[in-house]
Amino acid sequence: MTYNNDNVEMRIPRLGVNIDHVATLRNARGGIHPDPVDAALLAIENGADGITAHLREDRRHITDDDLQRLQILCLEKNIPLNMEMAAVEEMAEIALALKPHAVCIVPENREERTTEGGLDVVGIHNSLVPIITQLSENNSRISLFIEANPKQIEASASVNADIVEFHTGAYAHALDDGNTLLANTILKQLQDGAKQASELGLEVHYGHGLTYENVEAIAAIPEAMELNIGHFIIGEALFTGLPAALLRMRTHMAAARGILL
């Protein structure tokens, strides 16, 4: 299956929109509003190149029903669904039945507020291989959410992943703390990691903590093919509306590549 992308002949990274926290807001009170599927449709209609949703083991935001409806929507709109999941049998079985365009395997800790840090591909290599093999044979592209660490990148290639999504949270936090020196060091690691991954045949994505203020340095990395952004966009949408938030984010991403939208 091919997907439409109007990003000026792919010179701008794709924007995947994570709609988890629309579900977080719904679940805070219960009921059916706001519906993350409605948010996904609005995002698609306003420039999202893909939809990302994390089905956590504790179901704290996205539910199984949400995921099923998102897959139906994305197939109807010819837009890729990226299912984030932990490397556990329950989630693998759900992904095998759902057949999403992509599966991003992430670390998961029940005590965390959100995904923090990258997957230890080196440490769980043997348990990852059968899951990745099954999902790949089921025609889902496999992404691993990792730090830009040379050993983790090498391990990601060795388990036959298609994509690495580099964790940008530490970069974002360093900038938030005003630690420019640390931020520049991490940015260099993200840039070097992209080169290494690309040389190994891995597609390069980035995600976590990206905002209007910090996204351009990441979007400017030549190997960056996709950015997955959720919490910040959904938060900004509370004030400006989702279409305006998406347009502003896409405008920053385009500016990073010297393109005016």
C-alpha atoms as a PDB file:
ATOM      1  CA  MET A   1       0.000   0.000   0.000  1.00  0.00           C
ATOM      2  CA  THR A   2       1.250   3.484  -0.826  1.00  0.00           C
ATOM      3  CA  TYR A   3       0.309   6.602   1.062  1.00  0.00           C
ATOM      4  CA  ASN A   4      -0.170  10.109  -0.229  1.00  0.00           C
ATOM      5  CA  ASN A   5       2.270  12.730   0.984  1.00  0.00           C
ATOM      6  CA  ASP A   6       2.178  16.326  -0.214  1.00  0.00           C
ATOM      7  CA  ASN A   7       5.347  17.357   1.629  1.00  0.00           C
ATOM      8  CA  VAL A   8       7.019  19.008  -1.360  1.00  0.00           C
ATOM      9  CA  GLU A   9       8.451  15.825  -2.863  1.00  0.00           C
ATOM     10  CA  MET A  10       9.410  14.473   0.562  1.00  0.00           C
ATOM     11  CA  ARG A  11      11.826  17.320   1.283  1.00  0.00           C
ATOM     12  CA  ILE A  12       9.971  17.972   4.545  1.00  0.00           C
ATOM     13  CA  PRO A  13       9.828  15.167   7.133  1.00  0.00           C
ATOM     14  CA  ARG A  14       6.452  13.519   7.494  1.00  0.00           C
ATOM     15  CA  LEU A  15       4.426  14.558  10.541  1.00  0.00           C
ATOM     16  CA  GLY A  16       2.919  11.708  12.526  1.00  0.00           C
ATOM     17  CA  VAL A  17       0.378  12.941  15.059  1.00  0.00           C
ATOM     18  CA  ASN A  18       0.031  11.025  18.312  1.00  0.00           C
ATOM     19  CA  ILE A  19      -3.535  11.306  19.598  1.00  0.00           C
ATOM     20  CA  ASP A  20      -3.058   9.435  22.910  1.00  0.00           C
ATOM     21  CA  HIS A  21      -3.768  12.437  25.100  1.00  0.00           C
ATOM     22  CA  VAL A  22      -7.164  13.110  23.582  1.00  0.00           C
ATOM     23  CA  ALA A  23      -7.997   9.736  25.101  1.00  0.00           C
ATOM     24  CA  THR A  24      -6.313  10.816  28.357  1.00  0.00           C
ATOM     25  CA  LEU A  25      -8.703  13.766  28.558  1.00  0.00           C
ATOM     26  CA  ARG A  26     -11.703  11.553  27.792  1.00  0.00           C
ATOM     27  CA  ASN A  27     -10.693   8.982  30.394  1.00  0.00           C
ATOM     28  CA  ALA A  28     -10.240  11.623  33.096  1.00  0.00           C
ATOM     29  CA  ARG A  29     -14.007  11.850  33.327  1.00  0.00           C
ATOM     30  CA  GLY A  30     -15.200   8.719  31.548  1.00  0.00           C
ATOM     31  CA  GLY A  31     -17.723   8.499  28.755  1.00  0.00           C
ATOM     32  CA  ILE A  32     -17.010   8.937  25.070  1.00  0.00           C
ATOM     33  CA  HIS A  33     -15.927  12.582  24.700  1.00  0.00           C
ATOM     34  CA  PRO A  34     -13.558  13.769  23.380  1.00  0.00           C
ATOM     35  CA  ASP A  35     -13.128  10.910  20.922  1.00  0.00           C
ATOM     36  CA  PRO A  36      -9.518  10.321  19.795  1.00  0.00           C
ATOM     37  CA  VAL A  37     -10.813   9.020  16.466  1.00  0.00           C
ATOM     38  CA  ASP A  38     -12.465  12.394  15.816  1.00  0.00           C
ATOM     39  CA  ALA A  39      -9.124  14.025  16.616  1.00  0.00           C
ATOM     40  CA  ALA A  40      -7.360  11.681  14.211  1.00  0.00           C
ATOM     41  CA  LEU A  41      -9.809  12.553  11.425  1.00  0.00           C
ATOM     42  CA  LEU A  42      -9.340  16.272  12.038  1.00  0.00           C
ATOM     43  CA  ALA A  43      -5.554  15.815  12.026  1.00  0.00           C
ATOM     44  CA  ILE A  44      -5.695  13.895   8.732  1.00  0.00           C
ATOM     45  CA  GLU A  45      -7.871  16.587   7.178  1.00  0.00           C
ATOM     46  CA  ASN A  46      -5.350  19.236   8.245  1.00  0.00           C
ATOM     47  CA  GLY A  47      -2.035  17.858   7.100  1.00  0.00           C
ATOM     48  CA  ALA A  48      -1.082  14.911   9.313  1.00  0.00           C
ATOM     49  CA  ASP A  49       0.870  12.349   7.309  1.00  0.00           C
ATOM     50  CA  GLY A  50       0.139   9.569   9.778  1.00  0.00           C
ATOM     51  CA  ILE A  51      -1.545   8.768  13.074  1.00  0.00           C
ATOM     52  CA  THR A  52       0.259   7.301  16.065  1.00  0.00           C
ATOM     53  CA  ALA A  53      -1.421   5.649  19.043  1.00  0.00           C
ATOM     54  CA  HIS A  54       0.130   3.777  21.984  1.00  0.00           C
ATOM     55  CA  LEU A  55      -1.887   0.875  23.341  1.00  0.00           C
ATOM     56  CA  ARG A  56      -0.388   0.510  26.801  1.00  0.00           C
ATOM     57  CA  GLU A  57      -0.757  -2.629  28.889  1.00  0.00           C
ATOM     58  CA  ASP A  58      -2.623  -0.615  31.544  1.00  0.00           C
ATOM     59  CA  ARG A  59      -4.909   1.008  28.914  1.00  0.00           C
ATOM     60  CA  ARG A  60      -4.460   4.381  30.615  1.00  0.00           C
ATOM     61  CA  HIS A  61      -5.451   6.264  27.454  1.00  0.00           C
ATOM     62  CA  ILE A  62      -5.962   4.472  24.112  1.00  0.00           C
ATOM     63  CA  THR A  63      -8.268   1.456  24.334  1.00  0.00           C
ATOM     64  CA  ASP A  64      -8.568  -1.626  22.143  1.00  0.00           C
ATOM     65  CA  ASP A  65     -11.759  -0.210  20.630  1.00  0.00           C
ATOM     66  CA  ASP A  66     -10.019   3.099  19.878  1.00  0.00           C
ATOM     67  CA  LEU A  67      -7.275   1.239  18.053  1.00  0.00           C
ATOM     68  CA  GLN A  68      -9.706  -0.785  15.969  1.00  0.00           C
ATOM     69  CA  ARG A  69     -11.590   2.353  14.939  1.00  0.00           C
ATOM     70  CA  LEU A  70      -8.361   4.192  14.176  1.00  0.00           C
ATOM     71  CA  GLN A  71      -7.262   1.406  11.861  1.00  0.00           C
ATOM     72  CA  ILE A  72     -10.595   1.549  10.015  1.00  0.00           C
ATOM     73  CA  LEU A  73     -10.273   5.330   9.662  1.00  0.00           C
ATOM     74  CA  CYS A  74      -6.667   5.204   8.467  1.00  0.00           C
ATOM     75  CA  LEU A  75      -7.436   2.541   5.886  1.00  0.00           C
ATOM     76  CA  GLU A  76     -10.371   4.613   4.615  1.00  0.00           C
ATOM     77  CA  LYS A  77      -8.207   7.736   4.375  1.00  0.00           C
ATOM     78  CA  ASN A  78      -5.141   5.911   2.983  1.00  0.00           C
ATOM     79  CA  ILE A  79      -3.065   7.178   5.917  1.00  0.00           C
ATOM     80  CA  PRO A  80      -0.628   5.006   7.900  1.00  0.00           C
ATOM     81  CA  LEU A  81      -1.441   3.983  11.450  1.00  0.00           C
ATOM     82  CA  ASN A  82       1.604   3.615  13.690  1.00  0.00           C
ATOM     83  CA  MET A  83       0.808   1.416  16.700  1.00  0.00           C
ATOM     84  CA  GLU A  84       3.155   1.895  19.633  1.00  0.00           C
ATOM     85  CA  MET A  85       3.432  -1.099  21.951  1.00  0.00           C
ATOM     86  CA  ALA A  86       5.584  -2.882  24.488  1.00  0.00           C
ATOM     87  CA  ALA A  87       7.442  -6.022  23.428  1.00  0.00           C
ATOM     88  CA  VAL A  88       5.029  -8.419  25.115  1.00  0.00           C
ATOM     89  CA  GLU A  89       2.962 -11.314  23.803  1.00  0.00           C
ATOM     90  CA  GLU A  90      -0.411  -9.656  24.461  1.00  0.00           C
ATOM     91  CA  MET A  91       0.439  -6.619  22.345  1.00  0.00           C
ATOM     92  CA  ALA A  92       2.035  -8.702  19.605  1.00  0.00           C
ATOM     93  CA  GLU A  93      -1.184 -10.716  19.276  1.00  0.00           C
ATOM     94  CA  ILE A  94      -3.242  -7.517  19.021  1.00  0.00           C
ATOM     95  CA  ALA A  95      -0.899  -6.085  16.394  1.00  0.00           C
ATOM     96  CA  LEU A  96      -0.996  -9.329  14.395  1.00  0.00           C
ATOM     97  CA  ALA A  97      -4.796  -9.161  14.305  1.00  0.00           C
ATOM     98  CA  LEU A  98      -4.926  -5.411  13.612  1.00  0.00           C
ATOM     99  CA  LYS A  99      -2.270  -5.346  10.860  1.00  0.00           C
ATOM    100  CA  PRO A 100      -1.285  -1.671  11.292  1.00  0.00           C
ATOM    101  CA  HIS A 101       0.980  -0.076   8.711  1.00  0.00           C
ATOM    102  CA  ALA A 102       3.734   0.242  11.328  1.00  0.00           C
ATOM    103  CA  VAL A 103       4.465  -1.048  14.806  1.00  0.00           C
ATOM    104  CA  CYS A 104       6.808   0.969  17.011  1.00  0.00           C
ATOM    105  CA  ILE A 105       8.156  -1.070  19.910  1.00  0.00           C
ATOM    106  CA  VAL A 106       8.759   1.111  22.965  1.00  0.00           C
ATOM    107  CA  PRO A 107       9.878   0.542  26.567  1.00  0.00           C
ATOM    108  CA  GLU A 108       7.015   0.596  29.012  1.00  0.00           C
ATOM    109  CA  ASN A 109       6.937   1.071  32.773  1.00  0.00           C
ATOM    110  CA  ARG A 110       3.618   1.115  34.610  1.00  0.00           C
ATOM    111  CA  GLU A 111       4.868   3.808  37.012  1.00  0.00           C
ATOM    112  CA  GLU A 112       5.949   6.296  34.336  1.00  0.00           C
ATOM    113  CA  ARG A 113       3.808   9.223  33.224  1.00  0.00           C
ATOM    114  CA  THR A 114       4.911   8.770  29.628  1.00  0.00           C
ATOM    115  CA  THR A 115       7.531   6.780  27.757  1.00  0.00           C
ATOM    116  CA  GLU A 116      10.917   7.837  29.089  1.00  0.00           C
ATOM    117  CA  GLY A 117      14.158   6.772  27.444  1.00  0.00           C
ATOM    118  CA  GLY A 118      14.837   4.339  24.675  1.00  0.00           C
ATOM    119  CA  LEU A 119      14.398   0.613  24.286  1.00  0.00           C
ATOM    120  CA  ASP A 120      17.347  -1.560  25.314  1.00  0.00           C
ATOM    121  CA  VAL A 121      17.583  -3.511  22.069  1.00  0.00           C
ATOM    122  CA  VAL A 122      20.954  -4.961  23.060  1.00  0.00           C
ATOM    123  CA  GLY A 123      19.604  -6.332  26.321  1.00  0.00           C
ATOM    124  CA  ILE A 124      16.355  -7.822  24.976  1.00  0.00           C
ATOM    125  CA  HIS A 125      17.691  -8.849  21.559  1.00  0.00           C
ATOM    126  CA  ASN A 126      16.635 -12.489  21.855  1.00  0.00           C
ATOM    127  CA  SER A 127      13.081 -11.724  22.961  1.00  0.00           C
ATOM    128  CA  LEU A 128      12.634  -9.057  20.284  1.00  0.00           C
ATOM    129  CA  VAL A 129      13.586 -11.241  17.332  1.00  0.00           C
ATOM    130  CA  PRO A 130      10.514 -13.529  17.303  1.00  0.00           C
ATOM    131  CA  ILE A 131       8.121 -10.605  17.810  1.00  0.00           C
ATOM    132  CA  ILE A 132       9.718  -8.589  15.016  1.00  0.00           C
ATOM    133  CA  THR A 133       9.754 -11.617  12.712  1.00  0.00           C
ATOM    134  CA  GLN A 134       6.054 -12.294  13.267  1.00  0.00           C
ATOM    135  CA  LEU A 135       5.017  -8.683  12.784  1.00  0.00           C
ATOM    136  CA  SER A 136       7.206  -8.234   9.711  1.00  0.00           C
ATOM    137  CA  GLU A 137       5.775 -11.363   8.104  1.00  0.00           C
ATOM    138  CA  ASN A 138       2.350  -9.871   8.875  1.00  0.00           C
ATOM    139  CA  ASN A 139       3.284  -6.871   6.673  1.00  0.00           C
ATOM    140  CA  SER A 140       3.768  -4.265   9.389  1.00  0.00           C
ATOM    141  CA  ARG A 141       6.859  -2.077   9.248  1.00  0.00           C
ATOM    142  CA  ILE A 142       8.872  -2.361  12.454  1.00  0.00           C
ATOM    143  CA  SER A 143      10.205   0.671  14.287  1.00  0.00           C
ATOM    144  CA  LEU A 144      12.277   0.622  17.476  1.00  0.00           C
ATOM    145  CA  PHE A 145      12.202   3.619  19.824  1.00  0.00           C
ATOM    146  CA  ILE A 146      15.812   3.994  20.961  1.00  0.00           C
ATOM    147  CA  GLU A 147      18.457   6.411  22.133  1.00  0.00           C
ATOM    148  CA  ALA A 148      20.974   7.560  19.515  1.00  0.00           C
ATOM    149  CA  ASN A 149      23.541   5.127  20.861  1.00  0.00           C
ATOM    150  CA  PRO A 150      25.807   3.316  18.355  1.00  0.00           C
ATOM    151  CA  LYS A 151      25.352  -0.104  19.993  1.00  0.00           C
ATOM    152  CA  GLN A 152      21.573   0.260  20.100  1.00  0.00           C
ATOM    153  CA  ILE A 153      21.529   1.313  16.450  1.00  0.00           C
ATOM    154  CA  GLU A 154      23.656  -1.679  15.435  1.00  0.00           C
ATOM    155  CA  ALA A 155      21.392  -3.991  17.426  1.00  0.00           C
ATOM    156  CA  SER A 156      18.310  -2.501  15.777  1.00  0.00           C
ATOM    157  CA  ALA A 157      19.710  -3.362  12.367  1.00  0.00           C
ATOM    158  CA  SER A 158      20.672  -6.843  13.544  1.00  0.00           C
ATOM    159  CA  VAL A 159      17.081  -7.689  14.580  1.00  0.00           C
ATOM    160  CA  ASN A 160      15.833  -6.610  11.132  1.00  0.00           C
ATOM    161  CA  ALA A 161      13.914  -3.509  12.148  1.00  0.00           C
ATOM    162  CA  ASP A 162      12.889  -1.203   9.309  1.00  0.00           C
ATOM    163  CA  ILE A 163      13.032   2.038  11.278  1.00  0.00           C
ATOM    164  CA  VAL A 164      14.621   3.572  14.345  1.00  0.00           C
ATOM    165  CA  GLU A 165      12.805   6.378  16.106  1.00  0.00           C
ATOM    166  CA  PHE A 166      15.291   8.344  18.150  1.00  0.00           C
ATOM    167  CA  HIS A 167      14.184   9.583  21.560  1.00  0.00           C
ATOM    168  CA  THR A 168      14.452  13.389  21.616  1.00  0.00           C
ATOM    169  CA  GLY A 169      13.266  13.836  25.198  1.00  0.00           C
ATOM    170  CA  ALA A 170      16.709  14.466  26.677  1.00  0.00           C
ATOM    171  CA  TYR A 171      17.384  17.118  24.026  1.00  0.00           C
ATOM    172  CA  ALA A 172      14.075  18.834  24.770  1.00  0.00           C
ATOM    173  CA  HIS A 173      14.630  18.716  28.543  1.00  0.00           C
ATOM    174  CA  ALA A 174      18.141  20.164  28.226  1.00  0.00           C
ATOM    175  CA  LEU A 175      16.780  23.127  26.282  1.00  0.00           C
ATOM    176  CA  ASP A 176      13.954  23.579  28.781  1.00  0.00           C
ATOM    177  CA  ASP A 177      16.575  23.711  31.552  1.00  0.00           C
ATOM    178  CA  GLY A 178      18.629  26.285  29.654  1.00  0.00           C
ATOM    179  CA  ASN A 179      21.553  23.881  29.328  1.00  0.00           C
ATOM    180  CA  THR A 180      22.614  24.754  25.785  1.00  0.00           C
ATOM    181  CA  LEU A 181      25.912  22.913  26.026  1.00  0.00           C
ATOM    182  CA  LEU A 182      24.205  19.640  26.921  1.00  0.00           C
ATOM    183  CA  ALA A 183      21.515  20.195  24.300  1.00  0.00           C
ATOM    184  CA  ASN A 184      24.165  20.686  21.607  1.00  0.00           C
ATOM    185  CA  THR A 185      25.957  17.520  22.715  1.00  0.00           C
ATOM    186  CA  ILE A 186      22.729  15.512  22.491  1.00  0.00           C
ATOM    187  CA  LEU A 187      21.857  17.079  19.137  1.00  0.00           C
ATOM    188  CA  LYS A 188      25.232  15.947  17.777  1.00  0.00           C
ATOM    189  CA  GLN A 189      24.459  12.423  18.986  1.00  0.00           C
ATOM    190  CA  LEU A 190      21.089  12.551  17.236  1.00  0.00           C
ATOM    191  CA  GLN A 191      22.744  13.755  14.035  1.00  0.00           C
ATOM    192  CA  ASP A 192      25.497  11.123  14.167  1.00  0.00           C
ATOM    193  CA  GLY A 193      22.962   8.435  14.999  1.00  0.00           C
ATOM    194  CA  ALA A 194      20.940   9.331  11.937  1.00  0.00           C
ATOM    195  CA  LYS A 195      23.973   8.914   9.694  1.00  0.00           C
ATOM    196  CA  GLN A 196      24.847   5.561  11.223  1.00  0.00           C
ATOM    197  CA  ALA A 197      21.274   4.284  10.998  1.00  0.00           C
ATOM    198  CA  SER A 198      20.909   5.378   7.393  1.00  0.00           C
ATOM    199  CA  GLU A 199      24.158   3.652   6.455  1.00  0.00           C
ATOM    200  CA  LEU A 200      22.778   0.462   8.001  1.00  0.00           C
ATOM    201  CA  GLY A 201      19.619   0.729   5.905  1.00  0.00           C
ATOM    202  CA  LEU A 202      17.338   1.956   8.684  1.00  0.00           C
ATOM    203  CA  GLU A 203      14.795   4.716   8.121  1.00  0.00           C
ATOM    204  CA  VAL A 204      15.175   7.533  10.661  1.00  0.00           C
ATOM    205  CA  HIS A 205      12.351   9.011  12.728  1.00  0.00           C
ATOM    206  CA  TYR A 206      12.379  11.229  15.818  1.00  0.00           C
ATOM    207  CA  GLY A 207       9.936  11.809  18.649  1.00  0.00           C
ATOM    208  CA  HIS A 208       9.259  12.897  22.245  1.00  0.00           C
ATOM    209  CA  GLY A 209       9.175  16.386  23.700  1.00  0.00           C
ATOM    210  CA  LEU A 210       9.183  18.217  20.364  1.00  0.00           C
ATOM    211  CA  THR A 211       7.701  21.730  20.329  1.00  0.00           C
ATOM    212  CA  TYR A 212       7.573  24.778  18.069  1.00  0.00           C
ATOM    213  CA  GLU A 213      10.723  26.025  19.795  1.00  0.00           C
ATOM    214  CA  ASN A 214      12.930  22.947  19.394  1.00  0.00           C
ATOM    215  CA  VAL A 215      11.605  21.090  16.358  1.00  0.00           C
ATOM    216  CA  GLU A 216      13.582  22.881  13.659  1.00  0.00           C
ATOM    217  CA  ALA A 217      17.003  21.539  14.656  1.00  0.00           C
ATOM    218  CA  ILE A 218      15.584  18.005  14.526  1.00  0.00           C
ATOM    219  CA  ALA A 219      13.638  18.503  11.298  1.00  0.00           C
ATOM    220  CA  ALA A 220      16.802  19.902   9.677  1.00  0.00           C
ATOM    221  CA  ILE A 221      18.663  16.588  10.095  1.00  0.00           C
ATOM    222  CA  PRO A 222      18.931  15.362   6.488  1.00  0.00           C
ATOM    223  CA  GLU A 223      18.145  11.726   7.274  1.00  0.00           C
ATOM    224  CA  ALA A 224      14.984  12.566   9.252  1.00  0.00           C
ATOM    225  CA  MET A 225      12.041  11.088   7.382  1.00  0.00           C
ATOM    226  CA  GLU A 226       9.347  11.460  10.037  1.00  0.00           C
ATOM    227  CA  LEU A 227       8.666  13.240  13.315  1.00  0.00           C
ATOM    228  CA  ASN A 228       6.052  11.862  15.703  1.00  0.00           C
ATOM    229  CA  ILE A 229       4.571  14.550  17.923  1.00  0.00           C
ATOM    230  CA  GLY A 230       1.584  14.289  20.215  1.00  0.00           C
ATOM    231  CA  HIS A 231       1.469  15.823  23.676  1.00  0.00           C
ATOM    232  CA  PHE A 232       2.580  19.298  22.611  1.00  0.00           C
ATOM    233  CA  ILE A 233       0.267  19.495  19.588  1.00  0.00           C
ATOM    234  CA  ILE A 234      -2.755  18.308  21.566  1.00  0.00           C
ATOM    235  CA  GLY A 235      -1.904  20.779  24.332  1.00  0.00           C
ATOM    236  CA  GLU A 236      -1.614  23.683  21.894  1.00  0.00           C
ATOM    237  CA  ALA A 237      -4.883  22.634  20.270  1.00  0.00           C
ATOM    238  CA  LEU A 238      -6.678  23.502  23.504  1.00  0.00           C
ATOM    239  CA  PHE A 239      -5.787  27.153  22.871  1.00  0.00           C
ATOM    240  CA  THR A 240      -5.612  27.510  19.097  1.00  0.00           C
ATOM    241  CA  GLY A 241      -7.489  24.519  17.703  1.00  0.00           C
ATOM    242  CA  LEU A 242      -5.930  21.440  16.170  1.00  0.00           C
ATOM    243  CA  PRO A 243      -5.770  22.708  12.540  1.00  0.00           C
ATOM    244  CA  ALA A 244      -3.849  25.828  13.588  1.00  0.00           C
ATOM    245  CA  ALA A 245      -1.483  23.826  15.805  1.00  0.00           C
ATOM    246  CA  LEU A 246      -0.736  21.406  12.974  1.00  0.00           C
ATOM    247  CA  LEU A 247      -0.163  24.197  10.476  1.00  0.00           C
ATOM    248  CA  ARG A 248       2.252  25.969  12.796  1.00  0.00           C
ATOM    249  CA  MET A 249       4.204  22.761  13.481  1.00  0.00           C
ATOM    250  CA  ARG A 250       4.390  21.918   9.781  1.00  0.00           C
ATOM    251  CA  THR A 251       5.517  25.484   9.063  1.00  0.00           C
ATOM    252  CA  HIS A 252       8.445  25.105  11.488  1.00  0.00           C
ATOM    253  CA  MET A 253       9.346  21.728  10.005  1.00  0.00           C
ATOM    254  CA  ALA A 254       9.301  23.196   6.506  1.00  0.00           C
ATOM    255  CA  ALA A 255      11.379  26.209   7.584  1.00  0.00           C
ATOM    256  CA  ALA A 256      14.038  23.803   8.866  1.00  0.00           C
ATOM    257  CA  ARG A 257      14.450  22.613   5.274  1.00  0.00           C
ATOM    258  CA  GLY A 258      14.359  26.132   3.810  1.00  0.00           C
ATOM    259  CA  ILE A 259      10.784  25.776   2.531  1.00  0.00           C
ATOM    260  CA  LEU A 260       7.939  28.228   3.030  1.00  0.00           C
ATOM    261  CA  LEU A 261       4.427  26.831   3.413  1.00  0.00           C
END
